[in-house]
All heavy atoms as atom14 arrays in JSON, in Angstrom:
{
  "sequence": "LERAFITFDLGYGLPEQYLLPMAAPVALSNDA",
  "atom14_mask": [
    [1, 1, 1, 1, 1, 1, 1, 1, 0, 0, 0, 0, 0, 0],
    [1, 1, 1, 1, 1, 1, 1, 1, 1, 0, 0, 0, 0, 0],
    [1, 1, 1, 1, 1, 1, 1, 1, 1, 1, 1, 0, 0, 0],
    [1, 1, 1, 1, 1, 0, 0, 0, 0, 0, 0, 0, 0, 0],
    [1, 1, 1, 1, 1, 1, 1, 1, 1, 1, 1, 0, 0, 0],
    [1, 1, 1, 1, 1, 1, 1, 1, 0, 0, 0, 0, 0, 0],
    [1, 1, 1, 1, 1, 1, 1, 0, 0, 0, 0, 0, 0, 0],
    [1, 1, 1, 1, 1, 1, 1, 1, 1, 1, 1, 0, 0, 0],
    [1, 1, 1, 1, 1, 1, 1, 1, 0, 0, 0, 0, 0, 0],
    [1, 1, 1, 1, 1, 1, 1, 1, 0, 0, 0, 0, 0, 0],
    [1, 1, 1, 1, 0, 0, 0, 0, 0, 0, 0, 0, 0, 0],
    [1, 1, 1, 1, 1, 1, 1, 1, 1, 1, 1, 1, 0, 0],
    [1, 1, 1, 1, 0, 0, 0, 0, 0, 0, 0, 0, 0, 0],
    [1, 1, 1, 1, 1, 1, 1, 1, 0, 0, 0, 0, 0, 0],
    [1, 1, 1, 1, 1, 1, 1, 0, 0, 0, 0, 0, 0, 0],
    [1, 1, 1, 1, 1, 1, 1, 1, 1, 0, 0, 0, 0, 0],
    [1, 1, 1, 1, 1, 1, 1, 1, 1, 0, 0, 0, 0, 0],
    [1, 1, 1, 1, 1, 1, 1, 1, 1, 1, 1, 1, 0, 0],
    [1, 1, 1, 1, 1, 1, 1, 1, 0, 0, 0, 0, 0, 0],
    [1, 1, 1, 1, 1, 1, 1, 1, 0, 0, 0, 0, 0, 0],
    [1, 1, 1, 1, 1, 1, 1, 0, 0, 0, 0, 0, 0, 0],
    [1, 1, 1, 1, 1, 1, 1, 1, 0, 0, 0, 0, 0, 0],
    [1, 1, 1, 1, 1, 0, 0, 0, 0, 0, 0, 0, 0, 0],
    [1, 1, 1, 1, 1, 0, 0, 0, 0, 0, 0, 0, 0, 0],
    [1, 1, 1, 1, 1, 1, 1, 0, 0, 0, 0, 0, 0, 0],
    [1, 1, 1, 1, 1, 1, 1, 0, 0, 0, 0, 0, 0, 0],
    [1, 1, 1, 1, 1, 0, 0, 0, 0, 0, 0, 0, 0, 0],
    [1, 1, 1, 1, 1, 1, 1, 1, 0, 0, 0, 0, 0, 0],
    [1, 1, 1, 1, 1, 1, 0, 0, 0, 0, 0, 0, 0, 0],
    [1, 1, 1, 1, 1, 1, 1, 1, 0, 0, 0, 0, 0, 0],
    [1, 1, 1, 1, 1, 1, 1, 1, 0, 0, 0, 0, 0, 0],
    [1, 1, 1, 1, 1, 0, 0, 0, 0, 0, 0, 0, 0, 0]
  ],
  "atom14_positions": [
    [[128.52, 27.3, 170.33], [127.96, 27.73, 169.07], [126.51, 27.27, 168.89], [125.94, 27.43, 167.82], [128.8, 27.21, 167.91], [130.24, 27.71, 167.84], [130.99, 27.0, 166.73], [130.3, 29.22, 167.67], [0.0, 0.0, 0.0], [0.0, 0.0, 0.0], [0.0, 0.0, 0.0], [0.0, 0.0, 0.0], [0.0, 0.0, 0.0], [0.0, 0.0, 0.0]],
    [[125.9, 26.64, 169.9], [124.58, 26.1, 169.79], [123.57, 26.88, 170.58], [123.89, 27.43, 171.64], [124.57, 24.62, 170.23], [125.4, 23.72, 169.36], [125.33, 22.27, 169.86], [124.36, 21.61, 169.51], [126.22, 21.86, 170.58], [0.0, 0.0, 0.0], [0.0, 0.0, 0.0], [0.0, 0.0, 0.0], [0.0, 0.0, 0.0], [0.0, 0.0, 0.0]],
    [[122.29, 26.88, 170.09], [121.22, 27.56, 170.79], [119.95, 26.73, 170.72], [119.76, 25.97, 169.77], [120.96, 28.93, 170.17], [122.19, 29.85, 170.24], [121.85, 31.24, 169.83], [123.04, 32.11, 169.93], [123.0, 33.42, 169.97], [121.82, 34.05, 169.91], [124.07, 34.15, 170.06], [0.0, 0.0, 0.0], [0.0, 0.0, 0.0], [0.0, 0.0, 0.0]],
    [[119.1, 26.91, 171.75], [117.79, 26.34, 171.76], [116.76, 27.4, 171.53], [116.96, 28.57, 171.88], [117.53, 25.6, 173.09], [0.0, 0.0, 0.0], [0.0, 0.0, 0.0], [0.0, 0.0, 0.0], [0.0, 0.0, 0.0], [0.0, 0.0, 0.0], [0.0, 0.0, 0.0], [0.0, 0.0, 0.0], [0.0, 0.0, 0.0], [0.0, 0.0, 0.0]],
    [[115.63, 27.04, 170.94], [114.63, 28.05, 170.56], [113.23, 27.61, 170.97], [112.87, 26.43, 170.93], [114.62, 28.27, 169.04], [115.97, 28.65, 168.46], [116.82, 27.68, 167.94], [116.33, 29.98, 168.44], [118.04, 28.06, 167.42], [117.59, 30.34, 167.89], [118.42, 29.38, 167.4], [0.0, 0.0, 0.0], [0.0, 0.0, 0.0], [0.0, 0.0, 0.0]],
    [[112.41, 28.61, 171.34], [110.98, 28.42, 171.51], [110.31, 29.66, 170.94], [110.95, 30.71, 170.77], [110.55, 28.23, 172.98], [111.09, 29.39, 173.85], [111.0, 26.9, 173.51], [110.6, 29.34, 175.27], [0.0, 0.0, 0.0], [0.0, 0.0, 0.0], [0.0, 0.0, 0.0], [0.0, 0.0, 0.0], [0.0, 0.0, 0.0], [0.0, 0.0, 0.0]],
    [[109.02, 29.56, 170.62], [108.31, 30.7, 170.02], [107.06, 31.0, 170.81], [106.44, 30.12, 171.4], [107.94, 30.41, 168.54], [107.1, 29.25, 168.49], [109.17, 30.2, 167.69], [0.0, 0.0, 0.0], [0.0, 0.0, 0.0], [0.0, 0.0, 0.0], [0.0, 0.0, 0.0], [0.0, 0.0, 0.0], [0.0, 0.0, 0.0], [0.0, 0.0, 0.0]],
    [[106.7, 32.29, 170.79], [105.44, 32.79, 171.34], [104.75, 33.64, 170.31], [105.42, 34.36, 169.56], [105.69, 33.6, 172.62], [106.34, 32.81, 173.74], [107.73, 32.78, 173.88], [105.56, 32.13, 174.66], [108.3, 32.07, 174.93], [106.15, 31.39, 175.69], [107.52, 31.36, 175.81], [0.0, 0.0, 0.0], [0.0, 0.0, 0.0], [0.0, 0.0, 0.0]],
    [[103.42, 33.59, 170.28], [102.67, 34.32, 169.26], [101.83, 35.41, 169.89], [101.15, 35.23, 170.89], [101.73, 33.38, 168.52], [102.48, 32.44, 167.61], [103.64, 32.72, 167.3], [101.88, 31.39, 167.24], [0.0, 0.0, 0.0], [0.0, 0.0, 0.0], [0.0, 0.0, 0.0], [0.0, 0.0, 0.0], [0.0, 0.0, 0.0], [0.0, 0.0, 0.0]],
    [[101.92, 36.63, 169.27], [101.06, 37.75, 169.64], [100.05, 37.91, 168.54], [100.42, 38.36, 167.43], [101.9, 39.01, 169.83], [101.16, 40.33, 170.04], [100.21, 40.26, 171.22], [102.14, 41.5, 170.21], [0.0, 0.0, 0.0], [0.0, 0.0, 0.0], [0.0, 0.0, 0.0], [0.0, 0.0, 0.0], [0.0, 0.0, 0.0], [0.0, 0.0, 0.0]],
    [[98.81, 37.53, 168.75], [97.79, 37.63, 167.75], [97.21, 39.01, 167.58], [97.24, 39.82, 168.52], [0.0, 0.0, 0.0], [0.0, 0.0, 0.0], [0.0, 0.0, 0.0], [0.0, 0.0, 0.0], [0.0, 0.0, 0.0], [0.0, 0.0, 0.0], [0.0, 0.0, 0.0], [0.0, 0.0, 0.0], [0.0, 0.0, 0.0], [0.0, 0.0, 0.0]],
    [[96.72, 39.3, 166.39], [96.14, 40.62, 166.12], [95.0, 40.5, 165.11], [95.11, 39.77, 164.12], [97.2, 41.58, 165.57], [96.77, 43.02, 165.51], [97.06, 43.88, 166.53], [96.05, 43.51, 164.44], [96.65, 45.21, 166.53], [95.66, 44.85, 164.39], [95.98, 45.67, 165.45], [95.56, 47.0, 165.41], [0.0, 0.0, 0.0], [0.0, 0.0, 0.0]],
    [[93.92, 41.18, 165.4], [92.78, 41.28, 164.49], [92.27, 42.71, 164.54], [92.01, 43.24, 165.63], [0.0, 0.0, 0.0], [0.0, 0.0, 0.0], [0.0, 0.0, 0.0], [0.0, 0.0, 0.0], [0.0, 0.0, 0.0], [0.0, 0.0, 0.0], [0.0, 0.0, 0.0], [0.0, 0.0, 0.0], [0.0, 0.0, 0.0], [0.0, 0.0, 0.0]],
    [[92.16, 43.36, 163.42], [91.75, 44.76, 163.4], [90.3, 44.86, 163.79], [89.42, 44.16, 163.28], [91.96, 45.3, 161.96], [91.9, 46.83, 161.81], [93.04, 47.49, 162.59], [92.0, 47.22, 160.35], [0.0, 0.0, 0.0], [0.0, 0.0, 0.0], [0.0, 0.0, 0.0], [0.0, 0.0, 0.0], [0.0, 0.0, 0.0], [0.0, 0.0, 0.0]],
    [[89.97, 45.75, 164.79], [88.59, 45.92, 165.22], [87.66, 46.35, 164.05], [88.09, 46.99, 163.1], [88.69, 47.02, 166.26], [90.07, 46.93, 166.8], [90.92, 46.55, 165.61], [0.0, 0.0, 0.0], [0.0, 0.0, 0.0], [0.0, 0.0, 0.0], [0.0, 0.0, 0.0], [0.0, 0.0, 0.0], [0.0, 0.0, 0.0], [0.0, 0.0, 0.0]],
    [[86.43, 45.92, 164.15], [85.45, 46.14, 163.09], [85.26, 47.61, 162.75], [84.97, 47.96, 161.61], [84.13, 45.53, 163.51], [83.01, 45.57, 162.45], [83.31, 44.57, 161.32], [84.03, 43.6, 161.54], [82.76, 44.75, 160.22], [0.0, 0.0, 0.0], [0.0, 0.0, 0.0], [0.0, 0.0, 0.0], [0.0, 0.0, 0.0], [0.0, 0.0, 0.0]],
    [[85.48, 48.49, 163.73], [85.21, 49.92, 163.54], [86.11, 50.54, 162.47], [85.79, 51.61, 161.95], [85.41, 50.68, 164.85], [86.85, 50.7, 165.34], [86.97, 51.07, 166.81], [86.44, 50.42, 167.68], [87.67, 52.18, 167.06], [0.0, 0.0, 0.0], [0.0, 0.0, 0.0], [0.0, 0.0, 0.0], [0.0, 0.0, 0.0], [0.0, 0.0, 0.0]],
    [[87.24, 49.9, 162.15], [88.18, 50.49, 161.17], [87.93, 49.95, 159.74], [88.69, 50.28, 158.83], [89.61, 50.19, 161.57], [89.98, 50.73, 162.95], [90.29, 49.87, 164.0], [89.99, 52.1, 163.19], [90.62, 50.34, 165.25], [90.33, 52.6, 164.47], [90.63, 51.71, 165.47], [90.97, 52.19, 166.71], [0.0, 0.0, 0.0], [0.0, 0.0, 0.0]],
    [[86.88, 49.12, 159.61], [86.62, 48.51, 158.3], [85.38, 49.05, 157.69], [84.43, 49.41, 158.39], [86.51, 46.97, 158.47], [87.74, 46.25, 159.06], [87.39, 44.78, 159.29], [88.92, 46.39, 158.13], [0.0, 0.0, 0.0], [0.0, 0.0, 0.0], [0.0, 0.0, 0.0], [0.0, 0.0, 0.0], [0.0, 0.0, 0.0], [0.0, 0.0, 0.0]],
    [[85.34, 49.1, 156.35], [84.12, 49.49, 155.63], [83.12, 48.38, 155.72], [83.46, 47.21, 155.92], [84.46, 49.8, 154.16], [85.34, 51.06, 153.95], [85.72, 51.12, 152.45], [84.6, 52.3, 154.35], [0.0, 0.0, 0.0], [0.0, 0.0, 0.0], [0.0, 0.0, 0.0], [0.0, 0.0, 0.0], [0.0, 0.0, 0.0], [0.0, 0.0, 0.0]],
    [[81.81, 48.68, 155.55], [80.79, 47.6, 155.53], [81.13, 46.55, 154.5], [81.72, 46.84, 153.44], [79.52, 48.37, 155.17], [79.8, 49.78, 155.58], [81.26, 50.02, 155.36], [0.0, 0.0, 0.0], [0.0, 0.0, 0.0], [0.0, 0.0, 0.0], [0.0, 0.0, 0.0], [0.0, 0.0, 0.0], [0.0, 0.0, 0.0], [0.0, 0.0, 0.0]],
    [[80.73, 45.32, 154.81], [81.05, 44.19, 153.96], [80.4, 44.31, 152.58], [79.2, 44.6, 152.48], [80.63, 42.87, 154.6], [81.05, 41.64, 153.84], [80.66, 40.13, 154.75], [81.7, 40.27, 156.17], [0.0, 0.0, 0.0], [0.0, 0.0, 0.0], [0.0, 0.0, 0.0], [0.0, 0.0, 0.0], [0.0, 0.0, 0.0], [0.0, 0.0, 0.0]],
    [[81.2, 44.16, 151.54], [80.65, 44.25, 150.2], [80.04, 42.91, 149.79], [80.17, 41.9, 150.48], [81.75, 44.66, 149.22], [0.0, 0.0, 0.0], [0.0, 0.0, 0.0], [0.0, 0.0, 0.0], [0.0, 0.0, 0.0], [0.0, 0.0, 0.0], [0.0, 0.0, 0.0], [0.0, 0.0, 0.0], [0.0, 0.0, 0.0], [0.0, 0.0, 0.0]],
    [[79.41, 42.91, 148.62], [78.81, 41.66, 148.13], [79.95, 40.66, 147.82], [81.01, 41.06, 147.36], [78.02, 41.96, 146.88], [0.0, 0.0, 0.0], [0.0, 0.0, 0.0], [0.0, 0.0, 0.0], [0.0, 0.0, 0.0], [0.0, 0.0, 0.0], [0.0, 0.0, 0.0], [0.0, 0.0, 0.0], [0.0, 0.0, 0.0], [0.0, 0.0, 0.0]],
    [[79.73, 39.35, 148.06], [80.76, 38.36, 147.81], [81.24, 38.33, 146.4], [80.43, 38.41, 145.45], [80.08, 37.03, 148.19], [78.94, 37.43, 149.09], [78.5, 38.78, 148.59], [0.0, 0.0, 0.0], [0.0, 0.0, 0.0], [0.0, 0.0, 0.0], [0.0, 0.0, 0.0], [0.0, 0.0, 0.0], [0.0, 0.0, 0.0], [0.0, 0.0, 0.0]],
    [[82.53, 38.25, 146.24], [83.13, 38.1, 144.89], [84.04, 36.89, 144.94], [85.04, 36.86, 145.69], [83.94, 39.34, 144.51], [84.59, 39.13, 143.15], [83.05, 40.59, 144.49], [0.0, 0.0, 0.0], [0.0, 0.0, 0.0], [0.0, 0.0, 0.0], [0.0, 0.0, 0.0], [0.0, 0.0, 0.0], [0.0, 0.0, 0.0], [0.0, 0.0, 0.0]],
    [[83.68, 35.86, 144.19], [84.46, 34.63, 144.2], [85.79, 34.82, 143.5], [85.86, 35.45, 142.44], [83.67, 33.51, 143.53], [0.0, 0.0, 0.0], [0.0, 0.0, 0.0], [0.0, 0.0, 0.0], [0.0, 0.0, 0.0], [0.0, 0.0, 0.0], [0.0, 0.0, 0.0], [0.0, 0.0, 0.0], [0.0, 0.0, 0.0], [0.0, 0.0, 0.0]],
    [[86.83, 34.3, 144.11], [88.14, 34.34, 143.48], [88.36, 33.04, 142.71], [88.35, 31.95, 143.31], [89.27, 34.48, 144.56], [90.7, 34.56, 144.04], [90.91, 35.79, 143.21], [91.67, 34.53, 145.22], [0.0, 0.0, 0.0], [0.0, 0.0, 0.0], [0.0, 0.0, 0.0], [0.0, 0.0, 0.0], [0.0, 0.0, 0.0], [0.0, 0.0, 0.0]],
    [[88.49, 33.12, 141.42], [88.6, 31.96, 140.6], [89.95, 31.28, 140.8], [90.91, 31.87, 141.24], [88.43, 32.34, 139.1], [89.53, 33.11, 138.7], [0.0, 0.0, 0.0], [0.0, 0.0, 0.0], [0.0, 0.0, 0.0], [0.0, 0.0, 0.0], [0.0, 0.0, 0.0], [0.0, 0.0, 0.0], [0.0, 0.0, 0.0], [0.0, 0.0, 0.0]],
    [[89.96, 29.98, 140.46], [91.22, 29.24, 140.52], [92.23, 29.84, 139.59], [93.44, 29.83, 139.89], [90.97, 27.79, 140.17], [90.2, 27.02, 141.27], [90.29, 27.43, 142.43], [89.45, 26.01, 140.89], [0.0, 0.0, 0.0], [0.0, 0.0, 0.0], [0.0, 0.0, 0.0], [0.0, 0.0, 0.0], [0.0, 0.0, 0.0], [0.0, 0.0, 0.0]],
    [[91.77, 30.39, 138.46], [92.7, 31.0, 137.5], [93.39, 32.23, 138.14], [94.57, 32.46, 137.98], [91.96, 31.44, 136.26], [91.51, 30.23, 135.41], [92.09, 29.14, 135.62], [90.62, 30.38, 134.56], [0.0, 0.0, 0.0], [0.0, 0.0, 0.0], [0.0, 0.0, 0.0], [0.0, 0.0, 0.0], [0.0, 0.0, 0.0], [0.0, 0.0, 0.0]],
    [[92.59, 33.0, 138.87], [93.17, 34.19, 139.52], [94.15, 33.79, 140.61], [95.25, 34.37, 140.75], [92.07, 35.03, 140.13], [0.0, 0.0, 0.0], [0.0, 0.0, 0.0], [0.0, 0.0, 0.0], [0.0, 0.0, 0.0], [0.0, 0.0, 0.0], [0.0, 0.0, 0.0], [0.0, 0.0, 0.0], [0.0, 0.0, 0.0], [0.0, 0.0, 0.0]]
  ]
}
């Protein structure tokens, strides 16, 4: 009834070509 485990990670980041140009910074308040 026992098992051993290990993990492997497949990373992903969307290429820049699929994103709109960067907008002006908007700070996220602590309240938000």
